[in-house]
C-alpha cells in the first residue's frame, strides 16, 4: 500500500521530468535562434517563416513550464489536485493526462 508521501514523491518526479523537458526545449530553441540567417534571400525568407513557428513553440513551452512550476508550488503548499477556481478535487484522469492541471474540467470549460 502506498503512502501519501510516496504519491507526492511520484507526482513531484513527474512534474520535475516535465519541467526538465520544457527547459531543454526552450534551450534548444534559444540555441537555434543564435544561428545567423543564410546569405541567400530565398533561404532567408524560409528561415524568417520558421521564426514565427519557433516563436510559437517557445511561447507554448514557456507557458507549460510556468504551469509546471505553479503545480510544484501547489504541491509544496498541499493544494495540488484541487481546482484553483472552485476548490473541488481535479479528477485523477485529468491529472494523469496533464499533471500540471490547475482547474477541474468544469471550471476549465468556463
N, C-alpha and C. Protein backbone atom coordinates (compact mmCIF):
# COMPACT_ATOMS: atom_id res chain seq x y z
N UNK A 1 0.84 -1.17 0.00
CA UNK A 1 0.00 0.00 0.00
C UNK A 1 0.90 1.25 0.00
N UNK A 2 0.55 2.23 -0.85
CA UNK A 2 1.39 3.42 -0.93
C UNK A 2 0.91 4.48 0.05
N UNK A 3 1.84 5.27 0.50
CA UNK A 3 1.52 6.35 1.43
C UNK A 3 1.38 7.65 0.66
N UNK A 4 0.83 8.65 1.32
CA UNK A 4 0.66 9.95 0.69
C UNK A 4 2.01 10.54 0.28
N UNK A 5 3.03 10.34 1.11
CA UNK A 5 4.35 10.89 0.78
C UNK A 5 4.94 10.21 -0.45
N UNK A 6 4.67 8.90 -0.62
CA UNK A 6 5.14 8.21 -1.83
C UNK A 6 4.42 8.74 -3.06
N UNK A 7 3.12 8.98 -2.91
CA UNK A 7 2.33 9.52 -4.00
C UNK A 7 2.83 10.93 -4.36
N UNK A 8 3.06 11.74 -3.35
CA UNK A 8 3.58 13.09 -3.57
C UNK A 8 4.95 13.04 -4.25
N UNK A 9 5.77 12.10 -3.84
CA UNK A 9 7.10 11.95 -4.46
C UNK A 9 6.97 11.58 -5.93
N UNK A 10 6.03 10.70 -6.26
CA UNK A 10 5.83 10.31 -7.67
C UNK A 10 5.32 11.50 -8.49
N UNK A 11 4.41 12.25 -7.92
CA UNK A 11 3.89 13.43 -8.61
C UNK A 11 5.01 14.43 -8.84
N UNK A 12 5.82 14.68 -7.79
CA UNK A 12 6.94 15.62 -7.92
C UNK A 12 7.91 15.15 -9.00
N UNK A 13 8.18 13.85 -9.03
CA UNK A 13 9.08 13.28 -10.03
C UNK A 13 8.54 13.53 -11.45
N UNK A 14 7.25 13.31 -11.65
CA UNK A 14 6.62 13.56 -12.96
C UNK A 14 6.74 15.03 -13.34
N UNK A 15 6.41 15.90 -12.40
CA UNK A 15 6.46 17.33 -12.67
C UNK A 15 7.88 17.80 -12.97
N UNK A 16 8.85 17.29 -12.22
CA UNK A 16 10.25 17.67 -12.46
C UNK A 16 10.73 17.18 -13.82
N UNK A 17 10.27 16.00 -14.23
CA UNK A 17 10.63 15.48 -15.56
C UNK A 17 10.02 16.37 -16.65
N UNK A 18 8.77 16.77 -16.46
CA UNK A 18 8.15 17.69 -17.42
C UNK A 18 8.90 19.01 -17.47
N UNK A 19 9.25 19.52 -16.30
CA UNK A 19 9.99 20.78 -16.22
C UNK A 19 11.31 20.69 -16.98
N UNK A 20 12.03 19.61 -16.78
CA UNK A 20 13.31 19.42 -17.49
C UNK A 20 13.10 19.37 -19.00
N UNK A 21 12.05 18.70 -19.42
CA UNK A 21 11.75 18.62 -20.85
C UNK A 21 11.45 19.98 -21.45
N UNK A 22 10.65 20.77 -20.76
CA UNK A 22 10.33 22.12 -21.27
C UNK A 22 11.56 23.02 -21.25
N UNK A 23 12.39 22.91 -20.23
CA UNK A 23 13.63 23.71 -20.19
C UNK A 23 14.56 23.32 -21.34
N UNK A 24 14.67 22.02 -21.60
CA UNK A 24 15.50 21.56 -22.72
C UNK A 24 14.97 22.10 -24.04
N UNK A 25 13.65 22.06 -24.20
CA UNK A 25 13.05 22.56 -25.44
C UNK A 25 13.35 24.04 -25.62
N UNK A 26 13.20 24.82 -24.56
CA UNK A 26 13.47 26.25 -24.63
C UNK A 26 14.94 26.50 -24.91
N UNK A 27 15.83 25.77 -24.27
CA UNK A 27 17.27 25.92 -24.50
C UNK A 27 17.62 25.60 -25.95
N UNK A 28 17.01 24.56 -26.50
CA UNK A 28 17.26 24.18 -27.90
C UNK A 28 16.80 25.29 -28.84
N UNK A 29 15.63 25.84 -28.57
CA UNK A 29 15.11 26.93 -29.40
C UNK A 29 16.05 28.13 -29.33
N UNK A 30 16.52 28.46 -28.13
CA UNK A 30 17.44 29.60 -27.98
C UNK A 30 18.76 29.34 -28.71
N UNK A 31 19.25 28.12 -28.67
CA UNK A 31 20.50 27.78 -29.35
C UNK A 31 20.35 27.94 -30.86
N UNK A 32 19.22 27.50 -31.40
CA UNK A 32 18.99 27.63 -32.84
C UNK A 32 18.76 29.08 -33.25
N UNK A 33 18.20 29.87 -32.34
CA UNK A 33 17.93 31.27 -32.65
C UNK A 33 19.22 32.07 -32.82
N UNK A 34 20.30 31.57 -32.25
CA UNK A 34 21.58 32.28 -32.35
C UNK A 34 22.26 32.07 -33.70
N UNK A 35 21.77 31.09 -34.48
CA UNK A 35 22.36 30.83 -35.78
C UNK A 35 22.05 31.99 -36.73
N UNK A 36 23.07 32.43 -37.49
CA UNK A 36 22.83 33.54 -38.42
C UNK A 36 21.95 33.09 -39.60
N UNK A 37 21.28 34.07 -40.21
CA UNK A 37 20.47 33.78 -41.39
C UNK A 37 21.38 33.45 -42.58
N UNK A 38 20.86 32.65 -43.48
CA UNK A 38 21.60 32.31 -44.70
C UNK A 38 21.74 33.57 -45.56
N UNK A 39 22.84 33.68 -46.32
CA UNK A 39 23.02 34.86 -47.17
C UNK A 39 22.04 34.90 -48.35
N UNK A 40 21.57 33.75 -48.81
CA UNK A 40 20.63 33.66 -49.93
C UNK A 40 19.27 34.20 -49.49
N UNK A 41 18.70 35.14 -50.25
CA UNK A 41 17.45 35.79 -49.84
C UNK A 41 16.28 34.81 -49.79
N UNK A 42 16.23 33.82 -50.68
CA UNK A 42 15.12 32.86 -50.63
C UNK A 42 15.24 31.98 -49.38
N UNK A 43 16.47 31.64 -49.01
CA UNK A 43 16.69 30.88 -47.78
C UNK A 43 16.31 31.71 -46.56
N UNK A 44 16.65 33.00 -46.62
CA UNK A 44 16.30 33.89 -45.51
C UNK A 44 14.79 33.97 -45.34
N UNK A 45 14.07 34.03 -46.44
CA UNK A 45 12.61 34.10 -46.38
C UNK A 45 12.05 32.85 -45.70
N UNK A 46 12.57 31.70 -46.06
CA UNK A 46 12.12 30.45 -45.43
C UNK A 46 12.48 30.44 -43.95
N UNK A 47 13.68 30.89 -43.64
CA UNK A 47 14.10 30.93 -42.24
C UNK A 47 13.24 31.89 -41.43
N UNK A 48 12.91 33.04 -42.00
CA UNK A 48 12.07 34.00 -41.29
C UNK A 48 10.66 33.45 -41.07
N UNK A 49 10.17 32.66 -42.03
CA UNK A 49 8.88 32.00 -41.85
C UNK A 49 8.94 31.01 -40.70
N UNK A 50 10.06 30.35 -40.57
CA UNK A 50 10.23 29.39 -39.47
C UNK A 50 10.31 30.09 -38.12
N UNK A 51 10.77 31.33 -38.11
CA UNK A 51 10.91 32.08 -36.85
C UNK A 51 9.55 32.20 -36.15
N UNK A 52 8.50 32.44 -36.91
CA UNK A 52 7.17 32.56 -36.32
C UNK A 52 6.74 31.25 -35.67
N UNK A 53 7.00 30.15 -36.36
CA UNK A 53 6.64 28.84 -35.82
C UNK A 53 7.45 28.54 -34.56
N UNK A 54 8.73 28.79 -34.62
CA UNK A 54 9.61 28.53 -33.48
C UNK A 54 9.23 29.43 -32.31
N UNK A 55 8.88 30.66 -32.61
CA UNK A 55 8.46 31.58 -31.55
C UNK A 55 7.20 31.07 -30.86
N UNK A 56 6.25 30.55 -31.64
CA UNK A 56 5.03 29.99 -31.06
C UNK A 56 5.35 28.77 -30.20
N UNK A 57 6.28 27.94 -30.66
CA UNK A 57 6.69 26.77 -29.88
C UNK A 57 7.36 27.19 -28.58
N UNK A 58 8.17 28.24 -28.65
CA UNK A 58 8.83 28.74 -27.44
C UNK A 58 7.80 29.29 -26.46
N UNK A 59 6.83 30.04 -26.97
CA UNK A 59 5.79 30.59 -26.10
C UNK A 59 4.99 29.47 -25.43
N UNK A 60 4.69 28.43 -26.18
CA UNK A 60 3.95 27.29 -25.62
C UNK A 60 4.77 26.59 -24.54
N UNK A 61 6.05 26.36 -24.82
CA UNK A 61 6.91 25.70 -23.83
C UNK A 61 7.08 26.55 -22.58
N UNK A 62 7.19 27.87 -22.76
CA UNK A 62 7.32 28.78 -21.62
C UNK A 62 6.06 28.76 -20.77
N UNK A 63 4.89 28.74 -21.41
CA UNK A 63 3.62 28.69 -20.67
C UNK A 63 3.50 27.36 -19.92
N UNK A 64 3.88 26.26 -20.57
CA UNK A 64 3.81 24.95 -19.92
C UNK A 64 4.79 24.87 -18.75
N UNK A 65 5.97 25.46 -18.92
CA UNK A 65 6.95 25.49 -17.84
C UNK A 65 6.38 26.26 -16.64
N UNK A 66 5.74 27.38 -16.90
CA UNK A 66 5.13 28.17 -15.82
C UNK A 66 4.03 27.36 -15.12
N UNK A 67 3.26 26.59 -15.90
CA UNK A 67 2.19 25.76 -15.32
C UNK A 67 2.79 24.67 -14.43
N UNK A 68 3.89 24.09 -14.87
CA UNK A 68 4.56 23.05 -14.07
C UNK A 68 5.12 23.66 -12.79
N UNK A 69 5.75 24.82 -12.90
CA UNK A 69 6.28 25.48 -11.70
C UNK A 69 5.15 25.82 -10.72
N UNK A 70 4.01 26.25 -11.24
CA UNK A 70 2.86 26.55 -10.38
C UNK A 70 2.34 25.27 -9.72
N UNK A 71 2.33 24.17 -10.47
CA UNK A 71 1.88 22.88 -9.91
C UNK A 71 2.83 22.43 -8.80
N UNK A 72 4.13 22.62 -9.01
CA UNK A 72 5.09 22.28 -7.96
C UNK A 72 4.87 23.14 -6.71
N UNK A 73 4.53 24.40 -6.91
CA UNK A 73 4.24 25.29 -5.77
C UNK A 73 2.98 24.82 -5.04
N UNK A 74 1.97 24.39 -5.81
CA UNK A 74 0.75 23.87 -5.17
C UNK A 74 1.05 22.57 -4.42
N UNK A 75 1.93 21.75 -4.99
CA UNK A 75 2.31 20.50 -4.34
C UNK A 75 2.97 20.82 -2.99
N UNK A 76 3.89 21.79 -3.00
CA UNK A 76 4.56 22.20 -1.76
C UNK A 76 3.58 22.79 -0.74
N UNK A 77 2.57 23.48 -1.25
CA UNK A 77 1.59 24.12 -0.35
C UNK A 77 0.50 23.16 0.13
N UNK A 78 0.48 21.97 -0.46
CA UNK A 78 -0.53 20.99 -0.07
C UNK A 78 -1.87 21.17 -0.77
N UNK A 79 -1.90 21.96 -1.83
CA UNK A 79 -3.15 22.21 -2.55
C UNK A 79 -3.17 21.56 -3.94
N UNK A 80 -2.14 20.80 -4.26
CA UNK A 80 -2.10 20.13 -5.57
C UNK A 80 -3.29 19.18 -5.68
N UNK A 81 -3.90 19.16 -6.86
CA UNK A 81 -5.03 18.28 -7.09
C UNK A 81 -6.37 18.91 -6.78
N UNK A 82 -6.35 20.14 -6.32
CA UNK A 82 -7.58 20.89 -6.06
C UNK A 82 -7.67 22.01 -7.08
N UNK A 83 -8.86 22.23 -7.61
CA UNK A 83 -9.08 23.27 -8.60
C UNK A 83 -8.79 24.64 -7.98
N UNK A 84 -8.03 25.44 -8.69
CA UNK A 84 -7.69 26.78 -8.20
C UNK A 84 -8.87 27.73 -8.30
N UNK A 85 -9.91 27.35 -9.05
CA UNK A 85 -11.09 28.21 -9.19
C UNK A 85 -12.16 27.88 -8.16
N UNK A 86 -12.55 26.60 -8.08
CA UNK A 86 -13.68 26.23 -7.21
C UNK A 86 -13.27 25.46 -5.96
N UNK A 87 -12.02 24.97 -5.92
CA UNK A 87 -11.53 24.26 -4.75
C UNK A 87 -11.88 22.78 -4.71
N UNK A 88 -12.65 22.32 -5.69
CA UNK A 88 -13.02 20.91 -5.75
C UNK A 88 -11.84 20.08 -6.26
N UNK A 89 -11.83 18.78 -5.97
CA UNK A 89 -10.74 17.93 -6.48
C UNK A 89 -10.75 17.86 -8.01
N UNK A 90 -9.56 17.83 -8.57
CA UNK A 90 -9.38 17.61 -10.01
C UNK A 90 -9.35 16.10 -10.20
N UNK A 91 -10.03 15.61 -11.23
CA UNK A 91 -10.11 14.16 -11.42
C UNK A 91 -8.72 13.55 -11.63
N UNK A 92 -8.58 12.33 -11.15
CA UNK A 92 -7.32 11.60 -11.30
C UNK A 92 -6.98 11.43 -12.78
N UNK A 93 -7.99 11.21 -13.61
CA UNK A 93 -7.75 11.04 -15.05
C UNK A 93 -7.17 12.32 -15.65
N UNK A 94 -7.70 13.47 -15.24
CA UNK A 94 -7.19 14.75 -15.77
C UNK A 94 -5.75 14.96 -15.31
N UNK A 95 -5.47 14.68 -14.04
CA UNK A 95 -4.11 14.86 -13.53
C UNK A 95 -3.14 13.87 -14.16
N UNK A 96 -3.62 12.67 -14.48
CA UNK A 96 -2.76 11.70 -15.15
C UNK A 96 -2.42 12.17 -16.55
N UNK A 97 -3.41 12.75 -17.24
CA UNK A 97 -3.18 13.23 -18.61
C UNK A 97 -2.38 14.52 -18.64
N UNK A 98 -2.62 15.38 -17.66
CA UNK A 98 -1.94 16.68 -17.60
C UNK A 98 -1.63 17.00 -16.14
N UNK A 99 -0.48 16.53 -15.65
CA UNK A 99 -0.15 16.67 -14.23
C UNK A 99 -0.10 18.10 -13.71
N UNK A 100 0.08 19.07 -14.58
CA UNK A 100 0.15 20.46 -14.15
C UNK A 100 -1.21 21.15 -14.14
N UNK A 101 -2.29 20.40 -14.35
CA UNK A 101 -3.63 21.00 -14.39
C UNK A 101 -3.91 21.77 -13.11
N UNK A 102 -4.45 22.97 -13.30
CA UNK A 102 -4.79 23.81 -12.15
C UNK A 102 -6.30 23.87 -11.94
N UNK A 103 -7.05 23.47 -12.95
CA UNK A 103 -8.50 23.58 -12.87
C UNK A 103 -9.17 22.25 -13.18
N UNK A 104 -10.32 22.04 -12.56
CA UNK A 104 -11.13 20.87 -12.88
C UNK A 104 -11.74 21.08 -14.28
N UNK A 105 -12.28 20.04 -14.86
CA UNK A 105 -12.84 20.15 -16.20
C UNK A 105 -14.00 21.14 -16.24
N UNK A 106 -14.81 21.17 -15.20
CA UNK A 106 -15.97 22.08 -15.18
C UNK A 106 -15.51 23.54 -15.24
N UNK A 107 -14.53 23.90 -14.44
CA UNK A 107 -14.03 25.28 -14.44
C UNK A 107 -13.24 25.59 -15.70
N UNK A 108 -12.56 24.61 -16.25
CA UNK A 108 -11.78 24.82 -17.47
C UNK A 108 -12.70 25.16 -18.64
N UNK A 109 -13.94 24.64 -18.62
CA UNK A 109 -14.91 24.90 -19.69
C UNK A 109 -15.34 26.36 -19.72
N UNK A 110 -15.38 27.00 -18.56
CA UNK A 110 -15.89 28.38 -18.47
C UNK A 110 -14.93 29.39 -19.02
